[in-house]
Amino acid sequence: MEGLLATAVSAEKHPQMLRTEFEALSHGANGLEEACKQFEALFLSSLVQQVTRPAEGKGLLGDGPGSEVLNGLVEQTLSEQIAKSGGVGVAERMIESFQDHEAAVRAAQETDSKGTS
């Protein structure tokens, strides 16, 4: 378990820790791509958890000793494999959004610098 997924599990939903980890990962083009992919894996992990765990009764692997850990490992592995195989497009949309925002900020800065020159 690496990066944002590990931070999310250890932070247990502390948004500031996730935000800090995301900002640290997202410096540079490769960092942004990696951070977005890890975010998608985190999203998929949450989605897979909701889909595979019933509201009541036994889980995917029963309710015996260790089933909670095994269910967690299955969920993690499944979500990571979905993300590695292309995911559901969340990472790509995030990257496009960040790049569009960055281009808009640059254009605004250029316009401001030309107006003050």
N, C-alpha and C. Protein backbone atom coordinates (compact mmCIF):
# COMPACT_ATOMS: atom_id res chain seq x y z
N MET A 1 0.84 -1.17 0.00
CA MET A 1 0.00 0.00 0.00
C MET A 1 0.90 1.24 0.00
N GLU A 2 0.69 2.14 -0.96
CA GLU A 2 1.58 3.28 -1.10
C GLU A 2 0.80 4.58 -1.19
N GLY A 3 1.51 5.67 -0.97
CA GLY A 3 1.02 7.01 -1.25
C GLY A 3 -0.30 7.37 -0.61
N LEU A 4 -1.20 7.94 -1.43
CA LEU A 4 -2.47 8.42 -0.92
C LEU A 4 -3.30 7.33 -0.29
N LEU A 5 -3.28 6.13 -0.88
CA LEU A 5 -4.07 5.04 -0.33
C LEU A 5 -3.60 4.71 1.08
N ALA A 6 -2.31 4.63 1.29
CA ALA A 6 -1.78 4.35 2.63
C ALA A 6 -2.10 5.49 3.58
N THR A 7 -1.98 6.72 3.10
CA THR A 7 -2.27 7.88 3.94
C THR A 7 -3.74 7.89 4.32
N ALA A 8 -4.61 7.57 3.37
CA ALA A 8 -6.04 7.57 3.66
C ALA A 8 -6.39 6.52 4.69
N VAL A 9 -5.80 5.35 4.56
CA VAL A 9 -6.08 4.28 5.52
C VAL A 9 -5.58 4.67 6.89
N SER A 10 -4.35 5.21 6.98
CA SER A 10 -3.80 5.56 8.27
C SER A 10 -4.43 6.82 8.84
N ALA A 11 -4.83 7.74 8.00
CA ALA A 11 -5.40 8.99 8.46
C ALA A 11 -6.86 8.84 8.87
N GLU A 12 -7.49 7.78 8.40
CA GLU A 12 -8.90 7.53 8.68
C GLU A 12 -9.74 8.78 8.50
N LYS A 13 -9.73 9.27 7.26
CA LYS A 13 -10.59 10.36 6.83
C LYS A 13 -10.22 11.72 7.41
N HIS A 14 -8.94 12.01 7.60
CA HIS A 14 -8.52 13.34 7.99
C HIS A 14 -8.18 14.10 6.72
N PRO A 15 -9.09 14.96 6.24
CA PRO A 15 -8.89 15.62 4.94
C PRO A 15 -7.58 16.38 4.82
N GLN A 16 -7.11 17.01 5.89
CA GLN A 16 -5.87 17.80 5.80
C GLN A 16 -4.68 16.91 5.47
N MET A 17 -4.62 15.70 6.06
CA MET A 17 -3.52 14.79 5.76
C MET A 17 -3.55 14.38 4.30
N LEU A 18 -4.74 14.09 3.78
CA LEU A 18 -4.86 13.71 2.37
C LEU A 18 -4.48 14.87 1.47
N ARG A 19 -4.90 16.07 1.81
CA ARG A 19 -4.59 17.25 1.00
C ARG A 19 -3.09 17.49 0.97
N THR A 20 -2.44 17.38 2.12
CA THR A 20 -1.00 17.58 2.20
C THR A 20 -0.26 16.54 1.37
N GLU A 21 -0.67 15.27 1.47
CA GLU A 21 -0.05 14.20 0.70
C GLU A 21 -0.25 14.44 -0.80
N PHE A 22 -1.46 14.85 -1.19
CA PHE A 22 -1.75 15.11 -2.60
C PHE A 22 -0.88 16.25 -3.12
N GLU A 23 -0.76 17.33 -2.36
CA GLU A 23 0.06 18.46 -2.78
C GLU A 23 1.52 18.06 -2.92
N ALA A 24 2.02 17.23 -2.00
CA ALA A 24 3.41 16.78 -2.08
C ALA A 24 3.64 15.92 -3.31
N LEU A 25 2.68 15.08 -3.64
CA LEU A 25 2.83 14.20 -4.79
C LEU A 25 2.67 14.94 -6.12
N SER A 26 1.90 16.00 -6.14
CA SER A 26 1.48 16.58 -7.40
C SER A 26 2.45 17.59 -8.00
N HIS A 27 3.63 17.78 -7.42
CA HIS A 27 4.60 18.71 -8.01
C HIS A 27 5.20 18.10 -9.28
N GLY A 28 5.04 18.82 -10.37
CA GLY A 28 5.56 18.35 -11.66
C GLY A 28 4.54 17.50 -12.39
N ALA A 29 4.76 17.30 -13.69
CA ALA A 29 3.83 16.56 -14.53
C ALA A 29 3.68 15.11 -14.07
N ASN A 30 4.79 14.43 -13.83
CA ASN A 30 4.72 13.04 -13.40
C ASN A 30 4.10 12.92 -12.02
N GLY A 31 4.41 13.87 -11.15
CA GLY A 31 3.83 13.87 -9.81
C GLY A 31 2.33 14.07 -9.85
N LEU A 32 1.86 14.96 -10.71
CA LEU A 32 0.43 15.19 -10.84
C LEU A 32 -0.27 13.94 -11.33
N GLU A 33 0.29 13.30 -12.33
CA GLU A 33 -0.29 12.08 -12.87
C GLU A 33 -0.35 10.99 -11.81
N GLU A 34 0.73 10.81 -11.08
CA GLU A 34 0.78 9.79 -10.02
C GLU A 34 -0.22 10.10 -8.92
N ALA A 35 -0.29 11.37 -8.51
CA ALA A 35 -1.23 11.76 -7.46
C ALA A 35 -2.68 11.51 -7.90
N CYS A 36 -2.99 11.83 -9.14
CA CYS A 36 -4.35 11.63 -9.66
C CYS A 36 -4.68 10.14 -9.74
N LYS A 37 -3.72 9.33 -10.16
CA LYS A 37 -3.94 7.88 -10.22
C LYS A 37 -4.14 7.30 -8.84
N GLN A 38 -3.37 7.78 -7.87
CA GLN A 38 -3.54 7.29 -6.51
C GLN A 38 -4.88 7.74 -5.92
N PHE A 39 -5.31 8.95 -6.27
CA PHE A 39 -6.63 9.40 -5.83
C PHE A 39 -7.72 8.52 -6.42
N GLU A 40 -7.58 8.17 -7.70
CA GLU A 40 -8.56 7.30 -8.33
C GLU A 40 -8.57 5.93 -7.65
N ALA A 41 -7.40 5.41 -7.29
CA ALA A 41 -7.33 4.13 -6.57
C ALA A 41 -8.04 4.24 -5.22
N LEU A 42 -7.87 5.37 -4.54
CA LEU A 42 -8.55 5.61 -3.26
C LEU A 42 -10.06 5.65 -3.47
N PHE A 43 -10.49 6.37 -4.50
CA PHE A 43 -11.92 6.45 -4.84
C PHE A 43 -12.47 5.06 -5.15
N LEU A 44 -11.75 4.32 -5.97
CA LEU A 44 -12.19 2.97 -6.33
C LEU A 44 -12.22 2.05 -5.11
N SER A 45 -11.28 2.22 -4.20
CA SER A 45 -11.26 1.43 -2.98
C SER A 45 -12.53 1.66 -2.18
N SER A 46 -12.92 2.90 -2.06
CA SER A 46 -14.14 3.23 -1.34
C SER A 46 -15.37 2.66 -2.05
N LEU A 47 -15.37 2.77 -3.37
CA LEU A 47 -16.48 2.25 -4.17
C LEU A 47 -16.58 0.73 -4.05
N VAL A 48 -15.44 0.04 -4.19
CA VAL A 48 -15.42 -1.42 -4.08
C VAL A 48 -15.86 -1.85 -2.69
N GLN A 49 -15.44 -1.12 -1.67
CA GLN A 49 -15.84 -1.45 -0.30
C GLN A 49 -17.36 -1.37 -0.15
N GLN A 50 -17.95 -0.34 -0.70
CA GLN A 50 -19.40 -0.20 -0.59
C GLN A 50 -20.15 -1.28 -1.37
N VAL A 51 -19.59 -1.70 -2.47
CA VAL A 51 -20.24 -2.70 -3.31
C VAL A 51 -20.11 -4.11 -2.73
N THR A 52 -18.95 -4.42 -2.14
CA THR A 52 -18.70 -5.79 -1.69
C THR A 52 -19.15 -6.07 -0.26
N ARG A 53 -19.41 -5.04 0.51
CA ARG A 53 -19.85 -5.27 1.89
C ARG A 53 -21.35 -5.11 1.99
N PRO A 54 -22.02 -6.16 2.44
CA PRO A 54 -23.47 -6.09 2.56
C PRO A 54 -23.87 -5.21 3.74
N ALA A 55 -25.11 -4.71 3.69
CA ALA A 55 -25.62 -3.90 4.78
C ALA A 55 -25.77 -4.74 6.05
N GLU A 56 -26.14 -6.00 5.87
CA GLU A 56 -26.28 -6.92 7.00
C GLU A 56 -25.76 -8.29 6.60
N GLY A 57 -25.40 -9.07 7.57
CA GLY A 57 -25.00 -10.45 7.31
C GLY A 57 -23.53 -10.60 6.99
N LYS A 58 -23.22 -11.75 6.39
CA LYS A 58 -21.83 -12.10 6.09
C LYS A 58 -21.28 -11.25 4.94
N GLY A 59 -20.00 -10.99 5.04
CA GLY A 59 -19.32 -10.26 3.98
C GLY A 59 -18.96 -11.19 2.84
N LEU A 60 -18.20 -10.69 1.91
CA LEU A 60 -17.77 -11.44 0.74
C LEU A 60 -17.08 -12.74 1.11
N LEU A 61 -16.26 -12.72 2.17
CA LEU A 61 -15.52 -13.90 2.61
C LEU A 61 -16.03 -14.45 3.94
N GLY A 62 -17.27 -14.18 4.26
CA GLY A 62 -17.84 -14.68 5.49
C GLY A 62 -17.63 -13.73 6.65
N ASP A 63 -17.91 -14.23 7.86
CA ASP A 63 -17.77 -13.37 9.04
C ASP A 63 -16.93 -14.04 10.13
N GLY A 64 -16.09 -14.98 9.74
CA GLY A 64 -15.24 -15.69 10.69
C GLY A 64 -14.03 -14.88 11.11
N PRO A 65 -13.15 -15.50 11.91
CA PRO A 65 -11.94 -14.82 12.36
C PRO A 65 -11.08 -14.37 11.17
N GLY A 66 -10.68 -13.13 11.19
CA GLY A 66 -9.82 -12.61 10.13
C GLY A 66 -10.54 -12.19 8.87
N SER A 67 -11.84 -12.38 8.81
CA SER A 67 -12.57 -12.05 7.58
C SER A 67 -12.51 -10.56 7.27
N GLU A 68 -12.47 -9.72 8.29
CA GLU A 68 -12.38 -8.27 8.08
C GLU A 68 -11.08 -7.92 7.35
N VAL A 69 -9.99 -8.52 7.79
CA VAL A 69 -8.69 -8.26 7.16
C VAL A 69 -8.68 -8.80 5.73
N LEU A 70 -9.17 -10.01 5.54
CA LEU A 70 -9.20 -10.60 4.20
C LEU A 70 -10.10 -9.80 3.26
N ASN A 71 -11.25 -9.37 3.75
CA ASN A 71 -12.14 -8.54 2.92
C ASN A 71 -11.42 -7.26 2.52
N GLY A 72 -10.70 -6.66 3.46
CA GLY A 72 -9.96 -5.43 3.16
C GLY A 72 -8.89 -5.65 2.10
N LEU A 73 -8.18 -6.77 2.19
CA LEU A 73 -7.15 -7.08 1.20
C LEU A 73 -7.76 -7.32 -0.18
N VAL A 74 -8.88 -8.02 -0.23
CA VAL A 74 -9.56 -8.26 -1.51
C VAL A 74 -10.01 -6.93 -2.10
N GLU A 75 -10.60 -6.08 -1.28
CA GLU A 75 -11.06 -4.77 -1.75
C GLU A 75 -9.90 -3.93 -2.28
N GLN A 76 -8.81 -3.90 -1.54
CA GLN A 76 -7.64 -3.13 -1.94
C GLN A 76 -7.07 -3.64 -3.26
N THR A 77 -6.90 -4.95 -3.35
CA THR A 77 -6.33 -5.56 -4.56
C THR A 77 -7.23 -5.31 -5.77
N LEU A 78 -8.53 -5.49 -5.59
CA LEU A 78 -9.47 -5.26 -6.67
C LEU A 78 -9.44 -3.81 -7.13
N SER A 79 -9.45 -2.87 -6.20
CA SER A 79 -9.44 -1.46 -6.58
C SER A 79 -8.13 -1.08 -7.27
N GLU A 80 -7.00 -1.61 -6.80
CA GLU A 80 -5.72 -1.31 -7.44
C GLU A 80 -5.66 -1.87 -8.85
N GLN A 81 -6.20 -3.06 -9.06
CA GLN A 81 -6.20 -3.66 -10.40
C GLN A 81 -7.11 -2.88 -11.35
N ILE A 82 -8.25 -2.43 -10.85
CA ILE A 82 -9.14 -1.62 -11.69
C ILE A 82 -8.42 -0.33 -12.09
N ALA A 83 -7.76 0.30 -11.14
CA ALA A 83 -7.03 1.55 -11.42
C ALA A 83 -5.90 1.31 -12.42
N LYS A 84 -5.14 0.23 -12.24
CA LYS A 84 -4.02 -0.07 -13.13
C LYS A 84 -4.49 -0.38 -14.55
N SER A 85 -5.68 -0.94 -14.68
CA SER A 85 -6.18 -1.30 -16.00
C SER A 85 -6.85 -0.13 -16.71
N GLY A 86 -6.72 1.04 -16.17
CA GLY A 86 -7.29 2.22 -16.82
C GLY A 86 -8.33 2.91 -15.97
N GLY A 87 -8.76 2.26 -14.92
CA GLY A 87 -9.71 2.88 -14.00
C GLY A 87 -11.03 3.22 -14.65
N VAL A 88 -11.65 4.24 -14.11
CA VAL A 88 -12.95 4.68 -14.61
C VAL A 88 -12.88 6.09 -15.19
N GLY A 89 -11.66 6.62 -15.34
CA GLY A 89 -11.48 7.92 -15.98
C GLY A 89 -11.35 9.10 -15.03
N VAL A 90 -11.41 8.85 -13.73
CA VAL A 90 -11.31 9.94 -12.76
C VAL A 90 -9.95 10.63 -12.85
N ALA A 91 -8.88 9.86 -12.89
CA ALA A 91 -7.53 10.43 -12.94
C ALA A 91 -7.34 11.29 -14.19
N GLU A 92 -7.79 10.81 -15.33
CA GLU A 92 -7.63 11.56 -16.57
C GLU A 92 -8.38 12.89 -16.52
N ARG A 93 -9.60 12.86 -15.98
CA ARG A 93 -10.39 14.10 -15.88
C ARG A 93 -9.75 15.08 -14.91
N MET A 94 -9.19 14.56 -13.82
CA MET A 94 -8.51 15.43 -12.86
C MET A 94 -7.29 16.08 -13.50
N ILE A 95 -6.50 15.31 -14.22
CA ILE A 95 -5.31 15.84 -14.88
C ILE A 95 -5.71 16.93 -15.87
N GLU A 96 -6.73 16.66 -16.68
CA GLU A 96 -7.20 17.66 -17.65
C GLU A 96 -7.66 18.93 -16.94
N SER A 97 -8.37 18.75 -15.84
CA SER A 97 -8.87 19.91 -15.09
C SER A 97 -7.72 20.74 -14.52
N PHE A 98 -6.72 20.06 -13.92
CA PHE A 98 -5.57 20.79 -13.39
C PHE A 98 -4.81 21.50 -14.49
N GLN A 99 -4.64 20.84 -15.64
CA GLN A 99 -3.91 21.45 -16.75
C GLN A 99 -4.67 22.64 -17.31
N ASP A 100 -6.00 22.52 -17.44
CA ASP A 100 -6.82 23.64 -17.91
C ASP A 100 -6.73 24.82 -16.95
N HIS A 101 -6.77 24.50 -15.65
CA HIS A 101 -6.67 25.56 -14.64
C HIS A 101 -5.31 26.25 -14.71
N GLU A 102 -4.26 25.47 -14.84
CA GLU A 102 -2.91 26.02 -14.93
C GLU A 102 -2.77 26.92 -16.16
N ALA A 103 -3.34 26.49 -17.29
CA ALA A 103 -3.28 27.29 -18.52
C ALA A 103 -4.06 28.59 -18.35
N ALA A 104 -5.20 28.53 -17.69
CA ALA A 104 -5.99 29.74 -17.45
C ALA A 104 -5.26 30.71 -16.53
N VAL A 105 -4.59 30.19 -15.51
CA VAL A 105 -3.82 31.04 -14.60
C VAL A 105 -2.68 31.71 -15.35
N ARG A 106 -1.98 30.95 -16.19
CA ARG A 106 -0.88 31.53 -16.98
C ARG A 106 -1.38 32.62 -17.92
N ALA A 107 -2.51 32.36 -18.58
CA ALA A 107 -3.08 33.34 -19.50
C ALA A 107 -3.47 34.61 -18.75
N ALA A 108 -4.04 34.45 -17.58
CA ALA A 108 -4.42 35.62 -16.78
C ALA A 108 -3.19 36.40 -16.33
N GLN A 109 -2.14 35.69 -15.95
CA GLN A 109 -0.90 36.35 -15.53
C GLN A 109 -0.27 37.11 -16.69
N GLU A 110 -0.30 36.51 -17.89
CA GLU A 110 0.26 37.18 -19.07
C GLU A 110 -0.54 38.43 -19.41
N THR A 111 -1.86 38.32 -19.30
CA THR A 111 -2.72 39.47 -19.57
C THR A 111 -2.45 40.58 -18.56
N ASP A 112 -2.31 40.22 -17.30
CA ASP A 112 -2.02 41.20 -16.26
C ASP A 112 -0.67 41.86 -16.48
N SER A 113 0.34 41.07 -16.84
CA SER A 113 1.68 41.64 -17.05
C SER A 113 1.73 42.54 -18.27
N LYS A 114 0.95 42.23 -19.31
CA LYS A 114 0.91 43.09 -20.49
C LYS A 114 0.17 44.39 -20.21
N GLY A 115 -0.85 44.28 -19.35
CA GLY A 115 -1.64 45.46 -19.01
C GLY A 115 -0.89 46.43 -18.13
N THR A 116 0.03 45.95 -17.31
CA THR A 116 0.78 46.83 -16.42
C THR A 116 2.09 47.30 -17.02
N SER A 117 2.45 46.79 -18.19
CA SER A 117 3.73 47.18 -18.83
C SER A 117 3.58 48.47 -19.61
